[in-house]
Amino acid sequence: MSEVEIRHLRNEDEFKACVDLQRDTWGWSFSDVVPVSMLQVAVKMGGVCLGAFGPREKLLGFVFGITGLRKGELAHWSHMLAVRPEVRDQGMGKRLKLAQGDALRALGVKNVYWTFDPLVARNAHLNLNRLGVTIDEYVPDMYGRSDSDLHQLGTDRFIVRWSLEREGAEAGPGPPRRGGAVVVAPQGVGAARGPGSPADAPGGAGYTEAAIVEVLIPGDIEAVAARSAEEALAWRRTTRRAFIRLLGAGASVAGFFPDREYGRYVLVRKPGS
């Protein structure tokens, strides 16, 4: 995708194209679209709205966020990132985020915050493995009910922090080795066990005492939801319970292993927790 130019949106037509891409991504009934007027105002006040433009200036993706204060420090909330389906899995999301980081460093921003759905494996891979974010919090139904077709499993989210002070602002060392990890998955997902993770998915809360825990997610939650809403909801319930318990007990997300069938979050307990 070397022919793609990533730059700030320049005029009203480009902001309108951004609104159209929001609707194309989240559905035309999506009521939380950020309108042209708010995009323009946010940019005037230090926000960032960058587009990935392809041949004939077609908008292929965008990233948008607002700049403000968090705990007395200049910070940025990255509100939206969208890439057209035909150019996904080609590094476009990472390029947009890195360009966003460059723009924010010029403003003196040190930390960027945003959310992503823990059940979406491609987003977990981008955020944890390619950008190296830190997961700060798990929030059930953060955005409340949504009329987007993409949000039918609720709007549970990780809040993540991306440090722009680290050299390159990209991922650092990978997660620890998985030998002896306890696996958490919905009941009946026995085939998800793999090398170095021989434990069955526990039914109770005892896994919060384990030194290393793997929380599994489907490789493609959209395909699961299309096949069985009940199965997809079981994944949501299981992972919600696990992340709330583990993070509440002092564990941290150390990394993510992507795979076609199952993705694996690796959580480790902090010393003394």
Protein backbone atom coordinates (compact mmCIF):
# COMPACT_ATOMS: atom_id res chain seq x y z
CA MET A 1 0.00 0.00 0.00
CA SER A 2 2.89 2.38 -0.74
CA GLU A 3 0.61 4.45 -2.98
CA VAL A 4 -1.51 5.42 0.04
CA GLU A 5 -0.95 8.90 1.47
CA ILE A 6 -1.73 9.51 5.15
CA ARG A 7 -2.38 13.15 5.96
CA HIS A 8 -4.64 15.58 7.79
CA LEU A 9 -8.09 16.10 6.31
CA ARG A 10 -8.10 19.41 4.45
CA ASN A 11 -11.60 20.45 3.49
CA GLU A 12 -15.31 19.90 4.00
CA ASP A 13 -15.57 17.25 1.29
CA GLU A 14 -12.91 15.15 3.02
CA PHE A 15 -14.66 15.50 6.37
CA LYS A 16 -17.91 14.42 4.68
CA ALA A 17 -16.09 11.37 3.30
CA CYS A 18 -15.02 10.60 6.87
CA VAL A 19 -18.65 10.69 8.00
CA ASP A 20 -19.63 8.36 5.15
CA LEU A 21 -16.86 5.94 6.13
CA GLN A 22 -18.16 5.92 9.71
CA ARG A 23 -21.57 4.84 8.41
CA ASP A 24 -20.05 2.28 6.06
CA THR A 25 -18.13 0.81 8.99
CA TRP A 26 -20.67 0.86 11.83
CA GLY A 27 -23.88 0.79 9.78
CA TRP A 28 -26.12 3.48 8.36
CA SER A 29 -28.40 3.26 11.40
CA PHE A 30 -25.45 4.04 13.72
CA SER A 31 -26.51 7.07 15.78
CA ASP A 32 -23.10 7.92 17.29
CA VAL A 33 -21.61 9.25 14.06
CA VAL A 34 -19.31 12.23 14.66
CA PRO A 35 -20.64 14.92 12.28
CA VAL A 36 -18.60 17.19 10.05
CA SER A 37 -19.04 20.18 12.35
CA MET A 38 -17.63 18.36 15.41
CA LEU A 39 -14.75 16.88 13.44
CA GLN A 40 -13.78 20.36 12.27
CA VAL A 41 -14.15 21.96 15.72
CA ALA A 42 -12.14 19.21 17.40
CA VAL A 43 -9.29 19.67 14.91
CA LYS A 44 -9.27 23.43 15.49
CA MET A 45 -8.90 22.77 19.24
CA GLY A 46 -5.94 20.39 19.00
CA GLY A 47 -7.69 17.21 17.96
CA VAL A 48 -6.37 15.02 15.17
CA CYS A 49 -8.23 13.66 12.14
CA LEU A 50 -5.99 11.84 9.68
CA GLY A 51 -7.06 10.07 6.53
CA ALA A 52 -5.48 7.35 4.42
CA PHE A 53 -6.03 8.39 0.81
CA GLY A 54 -5.65 5.99 -2.09
CA PRO A 55 -5.82 6.44 -5.86
CA ARG A 56 -8.10 9.28 -6.99
CA GLU A 57 -8.09 10.58 -3.40
CA LYS A 58 -10.46 7.87 -2.15
CA LEU A 59 -10.62 7.78 1.65
CA LEU A 60 -9.57 4.25 2.64
CA GLY A 61 -9.31 4.78 6.39
CA PHE A 62 -9.17 7.41 9.09
CA VAL A 63 -8.28 7.98 12.72
CA PHE A 64 -9.89 10.69 14.86
CA GLY A 65 -9.49 11.86 18.43
CA ILE A 66 -9.66 14.81 20.80
CA THR A 67 -6.96 16.41 22.91
CA GLY A 68 -7.51 17.54 26.48
CA LEU A 69 -6.37 17.11 30.07
CA ARG A 70 -6.24 13.85 32.03
CA LYS A 71 -5.14 14.10 35.66
CA GLY A 72 -3.70 17.52 34.92
CA GLU A 73 -1.59 16.30 31.99
CA LEU A 74 -2.05 16.97 28.30
CA ALA A 75 -3.43 13.77 26.77
CA HIS A 76 -5.32 12.54 23.72
CA TRP A 77 -8.39 10.33 23.44
CA SER A 78 -8.39 8.46 20.13
CA HIS A 79 -12.10 8.03 19.53
CA MET A 80 -12.37 6.31 16.15
CA LEU A 81 -10.26 4.22 13.79
CA ALA A 82 -11.77 2.69 10.66
CA VAL A 83 -10.31 0.97 7.60
CA ARG A 84 -12.27 -0.17 4.57
CA PRO A 85 -12.66 -3.98 4.35
CA GLU A 86 -10.81 -4.24 1.04
CA VAL A 87 -7.59 -2.85 2.56
CA ARG A 88 -7.71 -4.48 6.00
CA ASP A 89 -4.88 -6.73 7.20
CA GLN A 90 -2.38 -4.72 5.15
CA GLY A 91 -0.95 -2.61 7.96
CA MET A 92 -3.22 0.38 7.34
CA GLY A 93 -4.41 0.60 10.94
CA LYS A 94 -0.86 0.64 12.26
CA ARG A 95 0.20 3.30 9.76
CA LEU A 96 -2.69 5.52 10.80
CA LYS A 97 -1.86 5.10 14.49
CA LEU A 98 1.84 5.84 13.98
CA ALA A 99 1.00 8.96 11.97
CA GLN A 100 -1.36 9.98 14.75
CA GLY A 101 1.43 9.52 17.27
CA ASP A 102 3.78 11.71 15.22
CA ALA A 103 1.17 14.48 15.04
CA LEU A 104 0.53 14.32 18.78
CA ARG A 105 4.20 14.39 19.75
CA ALA A 106 4.41 17.72 17.94
CA LEU A 107 1.71 19.00 20.31
CA GLY A 108 3.57 17.76 23.39
CA VAL A 109 1.21 14.85 24.11
CA LYS A 110 2.85 11.98 26.01
CA ASN A 111 -0.02 9.49 26.36
CA VAL A 112 -2.86 8.47 24.06
CA TYR A 113 -5.93 6.60 25.32
CA TRP A 114 -8.59 4.65 23.47
CA THR A 115 -10.75 1.55 23.68
CA PHE A 116 -11.12 -1.70 21.79
CA ASP A 117 -13.40 -4.72 22.05
CA PRO A 118 -11.49 -7.55 23.80
CA LEU A 119 -13.26 -10.14 21.63
CA VAL A 120 -11.94 -8.80 18.31
CA ALA A 121 -8.69 -10.67 17.69
CA ARG A 122 -7.35 -8.46 14.90
CA ASN A 123 -7.68 -5.40 17.15
CA ALA A 124 -5.98 -7.19 20.04
CA HIS A 125 -3.09 -8.08 17.72
CA LEU A 126 -2.76 -4.51 16.43
CA ASN A 127 -2.91 -2.90 19.84
CA LEU A 128 -0.81 -5.29 21.91
CA ASN A 129 1.63 -6.79 19.43
CA ARG A 130 2.12 -4.02 16.90
CA LEU A 131 1.65 -0.84 18.96
CA GLY A 132 2.58 -2.09 22.41
CA VAL A 133 -0.25 -0.48 24.39
CA THR A 134 -0.86 -1.03 28.10
CA ILE A 135 -4.31 -2.21 29.14
CA ASP A 136 -5.48 -0.02 32.01
CA GLU A 137 -9.05 -1.18 32.60
CA TYR A 138 -11.92 -3.43 31.49
CA VAL A 139 -15.26 -1.60 31.31
CA PRO A 140 -18.51 -3.57 30.76
CA ASP A 141 -20.88 -1.87 28.29
CA MET A 142 -18.76 1.27 28.22
CA TYR A 143 -20.85 2.95 25.53
CA GLY A 144 -24.22 1.60 26.66
CA ARG A 145 -26.63 0.21 24.12
CA SER A 146 -25.64 0.72 20.51
CA ASP A 147 -27.63 0.50 17.30
CA SER A 148 -24.57 -0.51 15.28
CA ASP A 149 -24.69 -4.00 13.78
CA LEU A 150 -21.11 -4.44 15.03
CA HIS A 151 -22.14 -3.93 18.66
CA GLN A 152 -24.78 -6.63 19.11
CA LEU A 153 -22.68 -8.32 21.81
CA GLY A 154 -22.66 -5.17 23.90
CA THR A 155 -19.95 -2.56 24.13
CA ASP A 156 -17.51 -4.07 26.65
CA ARG A 157 -14.12 -2.44 26.14
CA PHE A 158 -10.54 -2.37 27.26
CA ILE A 159 -9.26 1.14 27.98
CA VAL A 160 -5.66 1.24 26.79
CA ARG A 161 -2.79 3.68 27.17
CA TRP A 162 -0.20 4.23 24.45
CA SER A 163 2.99 5.92 25.59
CA LEU A 164 4.51 8.22 22.99
CA GLU A 165 7.68 8.61 25.04
CA ARG A 166 8.91 5.11 24.28
CA GLU A 167 11.25 5.02 21.28
CA GLY A 168 9.19 4.34 18.17
CA ALA A 169 6.02 3.96 20.30
CA GLU A 170 5.74 0.40 19.05
CA ALA A 171 5.55 -2.97 20.73
CA GLY A 172 8.32 -4.03 23.05
CA PRO A 173 9.22 -7.58 24.18
CA GLY A 174 6.55 -10.22 23.66
CA PRO A 175 4.55 -11.95 26.39
CA PRO A 176 6.13 -14.53 28.67
CA ARG A 177 6.33 -18.18 27.69
CA ARG A 178 3.08 -20.00 28.29
CA GLY A 179 4.30 -23.16 30.01
CA GLY A 180 1.88 -24.19 32.76
CA ALA A 181 -0.63 -21.44 32.07
CA VAL A 182 -4.22 -21.93 33.20
CA VAL A 183 -6.66 -21.55 30.29
CA VAL A 184 -9.99 -19.73 30.61
CA ALA A 185 -12.59 -20.35 27.90
CA PRO A 186 -16.32 -21.14 27.68
CA GLN A 187 -17.29 -24.63 28.75
CA GLY A 188 -16.66 -27.18 26.02
CA VAL A 189 -13.79 -25.39 24.30
CA GLY A 190 -11.40 -28.23 25.06
CA ALA A 191 -9.88 -28.14 21.59
CA ALA A 192 -8.46 -24.74 22.45
CA ARG A 193 -5.75 -26.26 24.57
CA GLY A 194 -2.34 -26.05 23.01
CA PRO A 195 1.34 -26.62 23.71
CA GLY A 196 2.39 -25.18 27.02
CA SER A 197 -1.17 -24.62 28.23
CA PRO A 198 -2.50 -27.99 29.33
CA ALA A 199 -5.05 -26.93 31.93
CA ASP A 200 -8.78 -27.23 31.36
CA ALA A 201 -10.91 -24.11 31.47
CA PRO A 202 -11.83 -23.64 35.14
CA GLY A 203 -15.39 -23.06 36.13
CA GLY A 204 -14.77 -21.08 39.31
CA ALA A 205 -12.72 -18.09 40.36
CA GLY A 206 -9.66 -20.11 41.42
CA TYR A 207 -7.74 -19.13 38.30
CA THR A 208 -7.18 -15.69 39.80
CA GLU A 209 -4.49 -17.30 41.97
CA ALA A 210 -2.53 -18.69 39.01
CA ALA A 211 0.80 -17.10 38.09
CA ILE A 212 0.01 -17.11 34.35
CA VAL A 213 -3.48 -17.28 32.84
CA GLU A 214 -4.51 -17.45 29.21
CA VAL A 215 -7.93 -16.01 28.37
CA LEU A 216 -9.09 -17.33 25.01
CA ILE A 217 -11.16 -15.52 22.39
CA PRO A 218 -12.37 -16.72 18.97
CA GLY A 219 -10.13 -16.04 16.01
CA ASP A 220 -13.14 -14.37 14.32
CA ILE A 221 -15.92 -13.31 16.70
CA GLU A 222 -17.99 -11.91 13.80
CA ALA A 223 -18.11 -15.35 12.20
CA VAL A 224 -19.08 -16.91 15.54
CA ALA A 225 -21.88 -14.36 16.04
CA ALA A 226 -23.19 -14.98 12.52
CA ARG A 227 -23.26 -18.71 13.23
CA SER A 228 -24.68 -18.61 16.75
CA ALA A 229 -25.63 -15.59 18.85
CA GLU A 230 -25.77 -17.84 21.93
CA GLU A 231 -22.20 -19.04 21.39
CA ALA A 232 -20.95 -15.49 20.89
CA LEU A 233 -22.67 -14.34 24.08
CA ALA A 234 -21.04 -17.23 25.97
CA TRP A 235 -17.66 -15.90 24.88
CA ARG A 236 -18.63 -12.42 26.09
CA ARG A 237 -19.83 -13.64 29.48
CA THR A 238 -16.78 -15.83 30.07
CA THR A 239 -14.20 -13.25 29.04
CA ARG A 240 -15.96 -10.43 30.89
CA ARG A 241 -15.94 -12.40 34.13
CA ALA A 242 -12.32 -13.46 33.67
CA PHE A 243 -10.91 -10.04 32.85
CA ILE A 244 -12.78 -8.30 35.67
CA ARG A 245 -11.62 -10.90 38.19
CA LEU A 246 -8.03 -11.11 36.99
CA LEU A 247 -7.41 -7.39 36.59
CA GLY A 248 -9.17 -6.76 39.90
CA ALA A 249 -6.85 -9.28 41.56
CA GLY A 250 -3.78 -7.42 40.37
CA ALA A 251 -2.95 -9.30 37.18
CA SER A 252 -1.91 -7.46 34.03
CA VAL A 253 -2.21 -8.27 30.34
CA ALA A 254 1.31 -9.12 29.18
CA GLY A 255 0.56 -9.94 25.56
CA PHE A 256 -1.59 -11.65 22.96
CA PHE A 257 -1.02 -14.73 20.79
CA PRO A 258 -3.11 -14.59 17.58
CA ASP A 259 -4.20 -17.75 15.80
CA ARG A 260 -6.80 -18.61 13.19
CA GLU A 261 -9.00 -20.60 15.58
CA TYR A 262 -8.36 -18.94 18.95
CA GLY A 263 -6.53 -15.89 20.19
CA ARG A 264 -4.88 -16.04 23.62
CA TYR A 265 -4.46 -13.15 26.03
CA VAL A 266 -1.62 -13.80 28.47
CA LEU A 267 -2.15 -12.36 31.96
CA VAL A 268 0.46 -12.47 34.70
CA ARG A 269 0.19 -11.71 38.38
CA LYS A 270 2.30 -8.89 39.73
CA PRO A 271 4.72 -9.80 42.55
CA GLY A 272 2.89 -9.65 45.85
CA SER A 273 -0.57 -9.47 44.29
